[in-house]
Amino acid sequence: MSTRALFDDTEMDGVHQLGPRACVLRGFARPVAGELLRAVDKVAQSAAFRHLVTPGGYTMSVAMTNCGALGWTSDRRGYRYAAIDPETGLPWPAMPEVFKRLAHDAAAAAGFDSFEPDACLINRYAPGAKLSLHQDKDERDLGAPIVSVSLGMPAVFLFGGLRRDDATAKVPLFHGDVVVWGAEDRLRYHGVMALKDSPHAELGSQRINLTFRKAG
């Protein structure tokens, strides 16, 4: 796998295209960032962050929880969506209205109208945490886009092709940036490089990522 840079200082604002139907909306979530973070705290009170185990027995470095009708989970039995939080035996917390509005508006801004997510994966990164290259393909509806919101510390997003060994772009993401990809770009491999410790003014040494999907 080769990696190429895909960013310069002139692209800090506006829309940055990653592919035919993939883009970064720079700073799109910044106006509601405080509201988003308060909603994350409320979700985590009902469904605590946890480090999931992969089918291969690897404990993920990223802590996560979910909200919405469905939540993504993993254990030695495999990856899957479920309506019930396996740790509490209760439904996942309802998706906050600010989450729904942001996901819908960001998708529309990227050319995907009428996006109504039923799952939001909330990932919490500490310094050193990373996400290996993967495809989002556990969803039943692959016609809907993925909407991914960055809050807190900056991260380097890896955006590849339809094969794991395709060239991968390095895309720095900052507080309030939103990445949207769908259609012919929907199954492109992507991940996050190991996070460097660059504390954020409000969140300190952590990054929160909200990933909205139409899973059911």
N, C-alpha and C. Protein backbone atom coordinates (compact mmCIF):
# COMPACT_ATOMS: atom_id res chain seq x y z
N MET A 1 0.84 -1.19 0.00
CA MET A 1 0.00 0.00 0.00
C MET A 1 0.88 1.24 0.00
N SER A 2 0.62 2.19 -0.87
CA SER A 2 1.34 3.46 -0.89
C SER A 2 0.44 4.54 -0.31
N THR A 3 1.07 5.60 0.18
CA THR A 3 0.33 6.69 0.78
C THR A 3 0.79 7.99 0.15
N ARG A 4 -0.17 8.88 -0.18
CA ARG A 4 0.17 10.16 -0.77
C ARG A 4 -0.53 11.28 0.01
N ALA A 5 0.09 12.44 0.06
CA ALA A 5 -0.51 13.58 0.75
C ALA A 5 -1.64 14.15 -0.09
N LEU A 6 -2.70 14.62 0.58
CA LEU A 6 -3.83 15.21 -0.12
C LEU A 6 -4.35 16.39 0.70
N PHE A 7 -3.47 17.37 0.88
CA PHE A 7 -3.86 18.50 1.71
C PHE A 7 -2.81 19.59 1.58
N ASP A 8 -3.25 20.86 1.57
CA ASP A 8 -2.31 21.96 1.73
C ASP A 8 -2.99 23.07 2.51
N ASP A 9 -2.23 24.08 2.92
CA ASP A 9 -2.74 25.10 3.82
C ASP A 9 -3.81 25.98 3.19
N THR A 10 -4.00 25.94 1.87
CA THR A 10 -5.00 26.77 1.21
C THR A 10 -6.37 26.12 1.28
N GLU A 11 -6.49 24.91 1.83
CA GLU A 11 -7.74 24.18 1.81
C GLU A 11 -8.33 24.02 3.21
N MET A 12 -8.13 25.04 4.05
CA MET A 12 -8.61 24.97 5.42
C MET A 12 -10.10 25.23 5.54
N ASP A 13 -10.70 25.86 4.51
CA ASP A 13 -12.10 26.21 4.57
C ASP A 13 -12.82 25.66 3.34
N GLY A 14 -14.16 25.58 3.46
CA GLY A 14 -14.96 25.19 2.31
C GLY A 14 -14.99 23.69 2.10
N VAL A 15 -15.22 23.29 0.86
CA VAL A 15 -15.39 21.88 0.49
C VAL A 15 -14.12 21.39 -0.18
N HIS A 16 -13.60 20.27 0.32
CA HIS A 16 -12.40 19.66 -0.25
C HIS A 16 -12.77 18.29 -0.80
N GLN A 17 -12.69 18.13 -2.10
CA GLN A 17 -13.08 16.87 -2.74
C GLN A 17 -12.04 15.78 -2.52
N LEU A 18 -12.50 14.60 -2.12
CA LEU A 18 -11.64 13.42 -1.97
C LEU A 18 -11.85 12.44 -3.11
N GLY A 19 -13.00 12.51 -3.76
CA GLY A 19 -13.37 11.60 -4.84
C GLY A 19 -14.60 12.14 -5.52
N PRO A 20 -15.12 11.44 -6.54
CA PRO A 20 -16.31 11.91 -7.26
C PRO A 20 -17.49 12.18 -6.34
N ARG A 21 -17.69 11.34 -5.32
CA ARG A 21 -18.81 11.52 -4.38
C ARG A 21 -18.32 11.44 -2.95
N ALA A 22 -17.17 12.05 -2.71
CA ALA A 22 -16.57 12.07 -1.37
C ALA A 22 -15.93 13.42 -1.14
N CYS A 23 -16.15 14.00 0.04
CA CYS A 23 -15.57 15.32 0.31
C CYS A 23 -15.43 15.55 1.80
N VAL A 24 -14.60 16.56 2.13
CA VAL A 24 -14.49 17.09 3.49
C VAL A 24 -15.19 18.44 3.50
N LEU A 25 -16.11 18.63 4.43
CA LEU A 25 -16.76 19.91 4.65
C LEU A 25 -16.04 20.57 5.82
N ARG A 26 -15.11 21.46 5.51
CA ARG A 26 -14.24 22.04 6.53
C ARG A 26 -15.04 22.91 7.50
N GLY A 27 -14.96 22.58 8.79
CA GLY A 27 -15.58 23.38 9.82
C GLY A 27 -17.09 23.34 9.86
N PHE A 28 -17.71 22.41 9.14
CA PHE A 28 -19.17 22.39 9.00
C PHE A 28 -19.88 22.23 10.34
N ALA A 29 -19.30 21.42 11.24
CA ALA A 29 -19.95 21.14 12.53
C ALA A 29 -19.54 22.09 13.63
N ARG A 30 -18.63 23.02 13.34
CA ARG A 30 -18.10 23.88 14.41
C ARG A 30 -19.19 24.71 15.10
N PRO A 31 -20.18 25.25 14.37
CA PRO A 31 -21.20 26.07 15.05
C PRO A 31 -22.02 25.32 16.11
N VAL A 32 -22.12 24.01 15.98
CA VAL A 32 -22.91 23.24 16.96
C VAL A 32 -22.04 22.29 17.78
N ALA A 33 -20.72 22.51 17.77
CA ALA A 33 -19.80 21.58 18.44
C ALA A 33 -20.12 21.43 19.92
N GLY A 34 -20.38 22.54 20.60
CA GLY A 34 -20.69 22.45 22.03
C GLY A 34 -21.94 21.64 22.30
N GLU A 35 -22.96 21.84 21.49
CA GLU A 35 -24.20 21.08 21.63
C GLU A 35 -23.96 19.60 21.36
N LEU A 36 -23.14 19.30 20.36
CA LEU A 36 -22.82 17.91 20.05
C LEU A 36 -22.11 17.24 21.23
N LEU A 37 -21.15 17.92 21.82
CA LEU A 37 -20.39 17.32 22.92
C LEU A 37 -21.25 17.11 24.15
N ARG A 38 -22.14 18.03 24.42
CA ARG A 38 -23.06 17.82 25.55
C ARG A 38 -23.96 16.61 25.30
N ALA A 39 -24.37 16.42 24.06
CA ALA A 39 -25.20 15.27 23.72
C ALA A 39 -24.40 13.97 23.84
N VAL A 40 -23.12 14.00 23.46
CA VAL A 40 -22.27 12.82 23.62
C VAL A 40 -22.18 12.42 25.09
N ASP A 41 -21.98 13.40 25.96
CA ASP A 41 -21.89 13.11 27.40
C ASP A 41 -23.18 12.46 27.90
N LYS A 42 -24.32 12.94 27.42
CA LYS A 42 -25.59 12.39 27.87
C LYS A 42 -25.76 10.95 27.38
N VAL A 43 -25.37 10.68 26.12
CA VAL A 43 -25.44 9.31 25.60
C VAL A 43 -24.57 8.38 26.45
N ALA A 44 -23.34 8.84 26.74
CA ALA A 44 -22.39 7.99 27.47
C ALA A 44 -22.84 7.70 28.90
N GLN A 45 -23.73 8.52 29.46
CA GLN A 45 -24.26 8.24 30.79
C GLN A 45 -25.14 6.99 30.78
N SER A 46 -25.78 6.72 29.63
CA SER A 46 -26.65 5.55 29.52
C SER A 46 -25.96 4.35 28.89
N ALA A 47 -25.04 4.63 27.98
CA ALA A 47 -24.29 3.57 27.28
C ALA A 47 -22.83 3.96 27.31
N ALA A 48 -22.10 3.45 28.28
CA ALA A 48 -20.73 3.90 28.52
C ALA A 48 -19.80 3.52 27.37
N PHE A 49 -18.75 4.33 27.20
CA PHE A 49 -17.71 3.98 26.25
C PHE A 49 -17.07 2.66 26.67
N ARG A 50 -16.70 1.86 25.67
CA ARG A 50 -16.05 0.59 25.93
C ARG A 50 -15.09 0.26 24.79
N HIS A 51 -14.09 -0.59 25.08
CA HIS A 51 -13.15 -1.05 24.06
C HIS A 51 -13.60 -2.43 23.58
N LEU A 52 -14.08 -2.48 22.35
CA LEU A 52 -14.60 -3.73 21.81
C LEU A 52 -13.48 -4.69 21.42
N VAL A 53 -13.84 -5.96 21.37
CA VAL A 53 -12.91 -7.01 20.95
C VAL A 53 -13.30 -7.46 19.55
N THR A 54 -12.32 -7.59 18.67
CA THR A 54 -12.59 -8.03 17.30
C THR A 54 -12.77 -9.54 17.27
N PRO A 55 -13.31 -10.08 16.15
CA PRO A 55 -13.45 -11.54 16.04
C PRO A 55 -12.12 -12.29 16.20
N GLY A 56 -11.03 -11.60 15.87
CA GLY A 56 -9.72 -12.23 16.02
C GLY A 56 -9.14 -12.14 17.41
N GLY A 57 -9.87 -11.51 18.35
CA GLY A 57 -9.40 -11.41 19.73
C GLY A 57 -8.61 -10.16 20.04
N TYR A 58 -8.56 -9.21 19.10
CA TYR A 58 -7.81 -7.97 19.29
C TYR A 58 -8.71 -6.94 19.97
N THR A 59 -8.21 -6.30 21.03
CA THR A 59 -8.96 -5.24 21.69
C THR A 59 -8.69 -3.92 20.98
N MET A 60 -9.74 -3.26 20.53
CA MET A 60 -9.60 -2.02 19.76
C MET A 60 -9.05 -0.91 20.64
N SER A 61 -8.15 -0.10 20.09
CA SER A 61 -7.56 1.01 20.85
C SER A 61 -8.54 2.17 20.99
N VAL A 62 -9.53 2.23 20.11
CA VAL A 62 -10.54 3.28 20.15
C VAL A 62 -11.69 2.82 21.05
N ALA A 63 -12.10 3.67 22.00
CA ALA A 63 -13.27 3.38 22.82
C ALA A 63 -14.51 3.84 22.08
N MET A 64 -15.63 3.12 22.24
CA MET A 64 -16.81 3.52 21.47
C MET A 64 -18.10 3.24 22.22
N THR A 65 -19.15 3.92 21.76
CA THR A 65 -20.52 3.64 22.15
C THR A 65 -21.39 4.00 20.96
N ASN A 66 -22.72 3.90 21.12
CA ASN A 66 -23.64 4.13 20.01
C ASN A 66 -24.89 4.84 20.49
N CYS A 67 -25.60 5.43 19.55
CA CYS A 67 -26.96 5.90 19.79
C CYS A 67 -27.75 5.73 18.51
N GLY A 68 -29.08 5.70 18.66
CA GLY A 68 -29.95 5.47 17.51
C GLY A 68 -30.64 4.13 17.62
N ALA A 69 -31.41 3.79 16.61
CA ALA A 69 -32.17 2.54 16.62
C ALA A 69 -31.26 1.32 16.61
N LEU A 70 -30.08 1.46 16.00
CA LEU A 70 -29.13 0.36 15.92
C LEU A 70 -27.76 0.82 16.39
N GLY A 71 -27.00 -0.10 16.95
CA GLY A 71 -25.64 0.19 17.36
C GLY A 71 -24.69 -0.87 16.82
N TRP A 72 -23.49 -0.44 16.45
CA TRP A 72 -22.49 -1.38 15.93
C TRP A 72 -21.72 -1.98 17.09
N THR A 73 -21.51 -3.27 17.04
CA THR A 73 -20.77 -3.94 18.11
C THR A 73 -19.91 -5.06 17.53
N SER A 74 -18.99 -5.53 18.32
CA SER A 74 -18.06 -6.57 17.89
C SER A 74 -17.64 -7.41 19.09
N ASP A 75 -17.46 -8.71 18.83
CA ASP A 75 -16.87 -9.61 19.81
C ASP A 75 -16.31 -10.80 19.04
N ARG A 76 -15.98 -11.88 19.76
CA ARG A 76 -15.38 -13.03 19.08
C ARG A 76 -16.33 -13.67 18.08
N ARG A 77 -17.64 -13.36 18.17
CA ARG A 77 -18.62 -13.92 17.24
C ARG A 77 -18.71 -13.15 15.94
N GLY A 78 -18.15 -11.93 15.89
CA GLY A 78 -18.17 -11.17 14.65
C GLY A 78 -18.64 -9.74 14.82
N TYR A 79 -18.64 -9.01 13.70
CA TYR A 79 -19.12 -7.63 13.65
C TYR A 79 -20.60 -7.65 13.30
N ARG A 80 -21.38 -6.72 13.90
CA ARG A 80 -22.81 -6.71 13.59
C ARG A 80 -23.47 -5.46 14.19
N TYR A 81 -24.67 -5.19 13.70
CA TYR A 81 -25.52 -4.18 14.30
C TYR A 81 -26.55 -4.87 15.19
N ALA A 82 -26.92 -4.20 16.27
CA ALA A 82 -27.91 -4.75 17.20
C ALA A 82 -28.73 -3.61 17.77
N ALA A 83 -29.99 -3.88 18.06
CA ALA A 83 -30.88 -2.88 18.65
C ALA A 83 -30.67 -2.75 20.15
N ILE A 84 -30.02 -3.74 20.76
CA ILE A 84 -29.82 -3.79 22.22
C ILE A 84 -28.33 -3.66 22.55
N ASP A 85 -28.02 -2.81 23.51
CA ASP A 85 -26.65 -2.70 24.00
C ASP A 85 -26.31 -3.97 24.78
N PRO A 86 -25.32 -4.74 24.33
CA PRO A 86 -25.03 -6.00 25.03
C PRO A 86 -24.53 -5.81 26.46
N GLU A 87 -24.05 -4.62 26.83
CA GLU A 87 -23.56 -4.41 28.18
C GLU A 87 -24.68 -4.06 29.16
N THR A 88 -25.73 -3.42 28.68
CA THR A 88 -26.81 -3.01 29.58
C THR A 88 -28.07 -3.84 29.41
N GLY A 89 -28.22 -4.52 28.26
CA GLY A 89 -29.44 -5.25 27.96
C GLY A 89 -30.60 -4.33 27.60
N LEU A 90 -30.31 -3.05 27.36
CA LEU A 90 -31.33 -2.07 27.04
C LEU A 90 -31.12 -1.54 25.62
N PRO A 91 -32.15 -0.95 25.02
CA PRO A 91 -31.95 -0.31 23.71
C PRO A 91 -30.89 0.78 23.83
N TRP A 92 -30.21 1.04 22.72
CA TRP A 92 -29.24 2.14 22.69
C TRP A 92 -29.98 3.46 22.93
N PRO A 93 -29.33 4.46 23.49
CA PRO A 93 -29.98 5.76 23.67
C PRO A 93 -30.48 6.31 22.34
N ALA A 94 -31.57 7.05 22.40
CA ALA A 94 -32.11 7.66 21.19
C ALA A 94 -31.10 8.65 20.60
N MET A 95 -31.12 8.79 19.29
CA MET A 95 -30.20 9.72 18.65
C MET A 95 -30.65 11.16 18.92
N PRO A 96 -29.78 11.99 19.48
CA PRO A 96 -30.16 13.38 19.77
C PRO A 96 -30.56 14.14 18.50
N GLU A 97 -31.48 15.07 18.64
CA GLU A 97 -31.96 15.82 17.49
C GLU A 97 -30.84 16.60 16.81
N VAL A 98 -29.89 17.13 17.59
CA VAL A 98 -28.78 17.86 16.97
C VAL A 98 -27.94 16.94 16.10
N PHE A 99 -27.81 15.67 16.47
CA PHE A 99 -27.10 14.71 15.64
C PHE A 99 -27.84 14.52 14.31
N LYS A 100 -29.16 14.30 14.40
CA LYS A 100 -29.95 14.07 13.19
C LYS A 100 -29.86 15.24 12.23
N ARG A 101 -30.00 16.45 12.77
CA ARG A 101 -29.97 17.65 11.91
C ARG A 101 -28.62 17.80 11.23
N LEU A 102 -27.56 17.62 12.00
CA LEU A 102 -26.23 17.79 11.43
C LEU A 102 -25.96 16.75 10.34
N ALA A 103 -26.30 15.49 10.62
CA ALA A 103 -26.07 14.43 9.64
C ALA A 103 -26.84 14.70 8.35
N HIS A 104 -28.10 15.09 8.49
CA HIS A 104 -28.94 15.39 7.32
C HIS A 104 -28.37 16.56 6.53
N ASP A 105 -28.00 17.64 7.23
CA ASP A 105 -27.53 18.85 6.56
C ASP A 105 -26.18 18.63 5.89
N ALA A 106 -25.28 17.89 6.55
CA ALA A 106 -23.97 17.62 5.96
C ALA A 106 -24.11 16.74 4.72
N ALA A 107 -24.95 15.72 4.80
CA ALA A 107 -25.17 14.86 3.64
C ALA A 107 -25.74 15.66 2.47
N ALA A 108 -26.71 16.53 2.77
CA ALA A 108 -27.31 17.35 1.70
C ALA A 108 -26.27 18.29 1.08
N ALA A 109 -25.39 18.85 1.91
CA ALA A 109 -24.35 19.75 1.41
C ALA A 109 -23.38 19.02 0.48
N ALA A 110 -23.25 17.70 0.68
CA ALA A 110 -22.37 16.89 -0.15
C ALA A 110 -23.10 16.25 -1.33
N GLY A 111 -24.39 16.58 -1.49
CA GLY A 111 -25.13 16.07 -2.64
C GLY A 111 -25.97 14.84 -2.38
N PHE A 112 -26.14 14.48 -1.11
CA PHE A 112 -26.95 13.32 -0.75
C PHE A 112 -28.19 13.81 0.02
N ASP A 113 -29.26 14.02 -0.70
CA ASP A 113 -30.48 14.54 -0.08
C ASP A 113 -31.22 13.44 0.68
N SER A 114 -31.99 13.86 1.67
CA SER A 114 -32.90 12.97 2.40
C SER A 114 -32.20 11.87 3.19
N PHE A 115 -30.96 12.10 3.62
CA PHE A 115 -30.26 11.11 4.44
C PHE A 115 -30.85 11.11 5.84
N GLU A 116 -31.32 9.97 6.29
CA GLU A 116 -31.90 9.81 7.62
C GLU A 116 -31.20 8.64 8.32
N PRO A 117 -30.14 8.89 9.08
CA PRO A 117 -29.39 7.80 9.72
C PRO A 117 -30.19 7.13 10.83
N ASP A 118 -29.96 5.84 11.01
CA ASP A 118 -30.56 5.13 12.15
C ASP A 118 -29.50 4.63 13.12
N ALA A 119 -28.24 4.95 12.86
CA ALA A 119 -27.15 4.55 13.75
C ALA A 119 -26.09 5.64 13.79
N CYS A 120 -25.58 5.91 14.99
CA CYS A 120 -24.44 6.80 15.13
C CYS A 120 -23.41 6.11 16.01
N LEU A 121 -22.26 5.82 15.45
CA LEU A 121 -21.14 5.25 16.20
C LEU A 121 -20.35 6.41 16.77
N ILE A 122 -20.11 6.41 18.07
CA ILE A 122 -19.36 7.46 18.74
C ILE A 122 -18.03 6.88 19.18
N ASN A 123 -16.96 7.35 18.56
CA ASN A 123 -15.62 6.83 18.86
C ASN A 123 -14.83 7.87 19.65
N ARG A 124 -14.11 7.39 20.65
CA ARG A 124 -13.25 8.28 21.45
C ARG A 124 -11.80 7.82 21.33
N TYR A 125 -10.98 8.71 20.81
CA TYR A 125 -9.56 8.42 20.58
C TYR A 125 -8.71 9.11 21.64
N ALA A 126 -7.80 8.38 22.25
CA ALA A 126 -6.76 8.94 23.09
C ALA A 126 -5.46 8.94 22.28
N PRO A 127 -4.43 9.67 22.71
CA PRO A 127 -3.16 9.62 21.97
C PRO A 127 -2.69 8.18 21.74
N GLY A 128 -2.30 7.89 20.52
CA GLY A 128 -1.85 6.56 20.15
C GLY A 128 -2.93 5.68 19.57
N ALA A 129 -4.20 6.01 19.79
CA ALA A 129 -5.30 5.20 19.25
C ALA A 129 -5.36 5.37 17.73
N LYS A 130 -5.79 4.33 17.05
CA LYS A 130 -5.87 4.38 15.59
C LYS A 130 -6.98 3.46 15.13
N LEU A 131 -7.30 3.57 13.85
CA LEU A 131 -8.31 2.71 13.23
C LEU A 131 -7.73 2.17 11.94
N SER A 132 -7.60 0.86 11.86
CA SER A 132 -6.98 0.24 10.69
C SER A 132 -7.86 0.40 9.46
N LEU A 133 -7.24 0.31 8.29
CA LEU A 133 -7.99 0.40 7.04
C LEU A 133 -9.10 -0.65 7.00
N HIS A 134 -10.30 -0.21 6.62
CA HIS A 134 -11.45 -1.11 6.55
C HIS A 134 -12.50 -0.52 5.62
N GLN A 135 -13.47 -1.32 5.27
CA GLN A 135 -14.65 -0.88 4.54
C GLN A 135 -15.84 -0.91 5.49
N ASP A 136 -16.76 0.05 5.33
CA ASP A 136 -18.02 -0.01 6.07
C ASP A 136 -19.02 -0.77 5.21
N LYS A 137 -19.19 -2.05 5.53
CA LYS A 137 -20.04 -2.89 4.67
C LYS A 137 -20.98 -3.79 5.48
N ASP A 138 -21.15 -3.49 6.77
CA ASP A 138 -22.09 -4.26 7.60
C ASP A 138 -23.51 -3.73 7.48
N GLU A 139 -23.68 -2.60 6.80
CA GLU A 139 -24.99 -1.98 6.67
C GLU A 139 -25.82 -2.65 5.58
N ARG A 140 -27.13 -2.73 5.78
CA ARG A 140 -28.01 -3.27 4.76
C ARG A 140 -28.18 -2.32 3.59
N ASP A 141 -28.18 -1.02 3.88
CA ASP A 141 -28.41 0.00 2.86
C ASP A 141 -27.09 0.64 2.45
N LEU A 142 -26.47 0.09 1.41
CA LEU A 142 -25.20 0.64 0.93
C LEU A 142 -25.43 1.80 -0.03
N GLY A 143 -26.70 2.15 -0.27
CA GLY A 143 -27.00 3.29 -1.11
C GLY A 143 -26.92 4.61 -0.36
N ALA A 144 -26.94 4.55 0.97
CA ALA A 144 -26.85 5.76 1.79
C ALA A 144 -25.39 6.09 2.06
N PRO A 145 -25.06 7.37 2.21
CA PRO A 145 -23.68 7.76 2.46
C PRO A 145 -23.26 7.51 3.90
N ILE A 146 -21.99 7.69 4.16
CA ILE A 146 -21.42 7.75 5.50
C ILE A 146 -21.14 9.22 5.81
N VAL A 147 -21.50 9.67 7.01
CA VAL A 147 -21.21 11.03 7.44
C VAL A 147 -20.38 10.93 8.72
N SER A 148 -19.17 11.50 8.71
CA SER A 148 -18.23 11.34 9.82
C SER A 148 -17.80 12.72 10.32
N VAL A 149 -18.00 12.97 11.62
CA VAL A 149 -17.76 14.28 12.23
C VAL A 149 -16.57 14.19 13.18
N SER A 150 -15.65 15.15 13.06
CA SER A 150 -14.46 15.19 13.92
C SER A 150 -14.59 16.30 14.95
N LEU A 151 -14.31 15.97 16.21
CA LEU A 151 -14.32 16.94 17.30
C LEU A 151 -13.09 16.72 18.18
N GLY A 152 -12.49 17.80 18.64
CA GLY A 152 -11.33 17.66 19.52
C GLY A 152 -10.01 17.66 18.77
N MET A 153 -9.09 16.83 19.21
CA MET A 153 -7.75 16.81 18.64
C MET A 153 -7.77 16.50 17.15
N PRO A 154 -6.80 17.06 16.40
CA PRO A 154 -6.72 16.73 14.97
C PRO A 154 -6.32 15.28 14.76
N ALA A 155 -6.67 14.77 13.60
CA ALA A 155 -6.34 13.39 13.23
C ALA A 155 -5.99 13.36 11.75
N VAL A 156 -5.33 12.30 11.34
CA VAL A 156 -5.05 12.10 9.92
C VAL A 156 -5.91 10.94 9.43
N PHE A 157 -6.85 11.27 8.57
CA PHE A 157 -7.78 10.32 7.99
C PHE A 157 -7.13 9.70 6.76
N LEU A 158 -7.20 8.38 6.65
CA LEU A 158 -6.68 7.67 5.50
C LEU A 158 -7.84 7.30 4.59
N PHE A 159 -7.76 7.68 3.32
CA PHE A 159 -8.85 7.43 2.38
C PHE A 159 -8.26 6.74 1.15
N GLY A 160 -8.62 5.46 0.99
CA GLY A 160 -8.04 4.65 -0.07
C GLY A 160 -8.99 4.36 -1.21
N GLY A 161 -8.80 3.21 -1.82
CA GLY A 161 -9.61 2.80 -2.94
C GLY A 161 -10.52 1.64 -2.59
N LEU A 162 -10.96 0.95 -3.61
CA LEU A 162 -11.87 -0.18 -3.41
C LEU A 162 -11.15 -1.47 -3.08
N ARG A 163 -9.81 -1.44 -3.16
CA ARG A 163 -9.00 -2.57 -2.73
C ARG A 163 -8.08 -2.12 -1.60
N ARG A 164 -7.80 -3.02 -0.68
CA ARG A 164 -6.99 -2.66 0.48
C ARG A 164 -5.60 -2.15 0.09
N ASP A 165 -5.04 -2.63 -1.01
CA ASP A 165 -3.70 -2.24 -1.40
C ASP A 165 -3.67 -1.06 -2.36
N ASP A 166 -4.80 -0.41 -2.60
CA ASP A 166 -4.81 0.80 -3.42
C ASP A 166 -4.10 1.94 -2.68
N ALA A 167 -3.63 2.93 -3.45
CA ALA A 167 -2.99 4.11 -2.85
C ALA A 167 -3.94 4.77 -1.86
N THR A 168 -3.38 5.28 -0.78
CA THR A 168 -4.18 5.86 0.30
C THR A 168 -3.77 7.31 0.51
N ALA A 169 -4.76 8.21 0.54
CA ALA A 169 -4.50 9.63 0.77
C ALA A 169 -4.50 9.93 2.26
N LYS A 170 -3.62 10.83 2.68
CA LYS A 170 -3.59 11.31 4.06
C LYS A 170 -4.34 12.64 4.12
N VAL A 171 -5.40 12.69 4.90
CA VAL A 171 -6.26 13.87 4.96
C VAL A 171 -6.35 14.37 6.40
N PRO A 172 -5.64 15.43 6.77
CA PRO A 172 -5.76 15.96 8.14
C PRO A 172 -7.18 16.47 8.40
N LEU A 173 -7.71 16.12 9.57
CA LEU A 173 -9.05 16.54 9.98
C LEU A 173 -8.94 17.31 11.28
N PHE A 174 -9.73 18.38 11.38
CA PHE A 174 -9.69 19.25 12.54
C PHE A 174 -11.07 19.38 13.17
N HIS A 175 -11.11 19.99 14.33
CA HIS A 175 -12.34 20.19 15.10
C HIS A 175 -13.43 20.80 14.23
N GLY A 176 -14.54 20.09 14.07
CA GLY A 176 -15.66 20.60 13.29
C GLY A 176 -15.70 20.13 11.86
N ASP A 177 -14.66 19.47 11.37
CA ASP A 177 -14.66 18.96 9.99
C ASP A 177 -15.62 17.78 9.86
N VAL A 178 -16.25 17.67 8.71
CA VAL A 178 -17.16 16.55 8.43
C VAL A 178 -16.77 15.93 7.10
N VAL A 179 -16.60 14.60 7.09
CA VAL A 179 -16.31 13.86 5.87
C VAL A 179 -17.58 13.12 5.45
N VAL A 180 -17.92 13.21 4.16
CA VAL A 180 -19.08 12.51 3.62
C VAL A 180 -18.64 11.72 2.39
N TRP A 181 -19.00 10.44 2.35
CA TRP A 181 -18.72 9.67 1.14
C TRP A 181 -19.85 8.67 0.87
N GLY A 182 -20.15 8.46 -0.41
CA GLY A 182 -21.23 7.56 -0.81
C GLY A 182 -21.15 7.24 -2.29
N ALA A 183 -22.24 6.64 -2.80
CA ALA A 183 -22.33 6.26 -4.22
C ALA A 183 -21.10 5.43 -4.62
N GLU A 184 -20.38 5.81 -5.70
CA GLU A 184 -19.25 5.01 -6.15
C GLU A 184 -18.08 5.03 -5.18
N ASP A 185 -18.07 5.97 -4.23
CA ASP A 185 -17.01 6.02 -3.22
C ASP A 185 -17.38 5.31 -1.92
N ARG A 186 -18.60 4.79 -1.85
CA ARG A 186 -19.14 4.28 -0.59
C ARG A 186 -18.29 3.18 0.05
N LEU A 187 -17.71 2.29 -0.75
CA LEU A 187 -16.97 1.15 -0.20
C LEU A 187 -15.46 1.34 -0.26
N ARG A 188 -15.02 2.57 -0.31
CA ARG A 188 -13.58 2.80 -0.30
C ARG A 188 -13.01 2.52 1.09
N TYR A 189 -11.81 1.92 1.10
CA TYR A 189 -11.13 1.65 2.36
C TYR A 189 -10.73 2.96 3.03
N HIS A 190 -10.81 2.98 4.36
CA HIS A 190 -10.46 4.19 5.10
C HIS A 190 -10.03 3.80 6.51
N GLY A 191 -9.39 4.72 7.18
CA GLY A 191 -8.93 4.48 8.54
C GLY A 191 -8.41 5.77 9.14
N VAL A 192 -7.80 5.68 10.31
CA VAL A 192 -7.25 6.83 11.02
C VAL A 192 -5.87 6.46 11.54
N MET A 193 -4.87 7.30 11.25
CA MET A 193 -3.52 7.06 11.75
C MET A 193 -3.47 7.24 13.26
N ALA A 194 -2.47 6.65 13.88
CA ALA A 194 -2.30 6.79 15.33
C ALA A 194 -2.29 8.26 15.72
N LEU A 195 -3.13 8.60 16.68
CA LEU A 195 -3.32 9.99 17.07
C LEU A 195 -2.10 10.52 17.83
N LYS A 196 -1.66 11.70 17.42
CA LYS A 196 -0.60 12.39 18.16
C LYS A 196 -1.23 13.22 19.28
N ASP A 197 -0.48 13.42 20.35
CA ASP A 197 -1.00 14.16 21.49
C ASP A 197 -0.85 15.66 21.22
N SER A 198 -1.94 16.25 20.76
CA SER A 198 -2.00 17.68 20.48
C SER A 198 -3.27 18.22 21.12
N PRO A 199 -3.25 18.49 22.42
CA PRO A 199 -4.47 18.76 23.18
C PRO A 199 -5.34 19.87 22.57
N HIS A 200 -6.64 19.62 22.63
CA HIS A 200 -7.63 20.58 22.16
C HIS A 200 -8.05 21.47 23.33
N ALA A 201 -8.38 22.73 23.02
CA ALA A 201 -8.69 23.70 24.08
C ALA A 201 -9.83 23.24 24.98
N GLU A 202 -10.82 22.56 24.43
CA GLU A 202 -11.97 22.15 25.23
C GLU A 202 -11.91 20.68 25.63
N LEU A 203 -11.48 19.81 24.72
CA LEU A 203 -11.51 18.37 24.97
C LEU A 203 -10.21 17.81 25.50
N GLY A 204 -9.16 18.61 25.51
CA GLY A 204 -7.89 18.09 25.99
C GLY A 204 -7.32 17.05 25.05
N SER A 205 -6.73 15.99 25.62
CA SER A 205 -6.04 14.98 24.82
C SER A 205 -6.99 13.87 24.38
N GLN A 206 -8.01 14.25 23.64
CA GLN A 206 -8.91 13.26 23.09
C GLN A 206 -9.57 13.79 21.81
N ARG A 207 -10.01 12.87 21.01
CA ARG A 207 -10.78 13.18 19.80
C ARG A 207 -12.07 12.39 19.86
N ILE A 208 -13.18 13.04 19.55
CA ILE A 208 -14.48 12.38 19.45
C ILE A 208 -14.88 12.35 17.98
N ASN A 209 -15.27 11.19 17.51
CA ASN A 209 -15.73 11.04 16.12
C ASN A 209 -17.15 10.48 16.12
N LEU A 210 -18.04 11.15 15.43
CA LEU A 210 -19.40 10.69 15.25
C LEU A 210 -19.54 10.16 13.82
N THR A 211 -19.94 8.91 13.67
CA THR A 211 -20.11 8.34 12.33
C THR A 211 -21.56 7.92 12.16
N PHE A 212 -22.23 8.59 11.23
CA PHE A 212 -23.65 8.35 10.98
C PHE A 212 -23.84 7.41 9.80
N ARG A 213 -24.75 6.44 9.97
CA ARG A 213 -24.98 5.45 8.92
C ARG A 213 -26.47 5.10 8.85
N LYS A 214 -26.88 4.63 7.70
CA LYS A 214 -28.19 3.99 7.53
C LYS A 214 -27.91 2.52 7.54
N ALA A 215 -28.14 1.89 8.69
CA ALA A 215 -27.70 0.50 8.88
C ALA A 215 -28.79 -0.52 8.59
N GLY A 216 -30.05 -0.16 8.87
CA GLY A 216 -31.13 -1.12 8.76
C GLY A 216 -31.82 -1.09 7.41
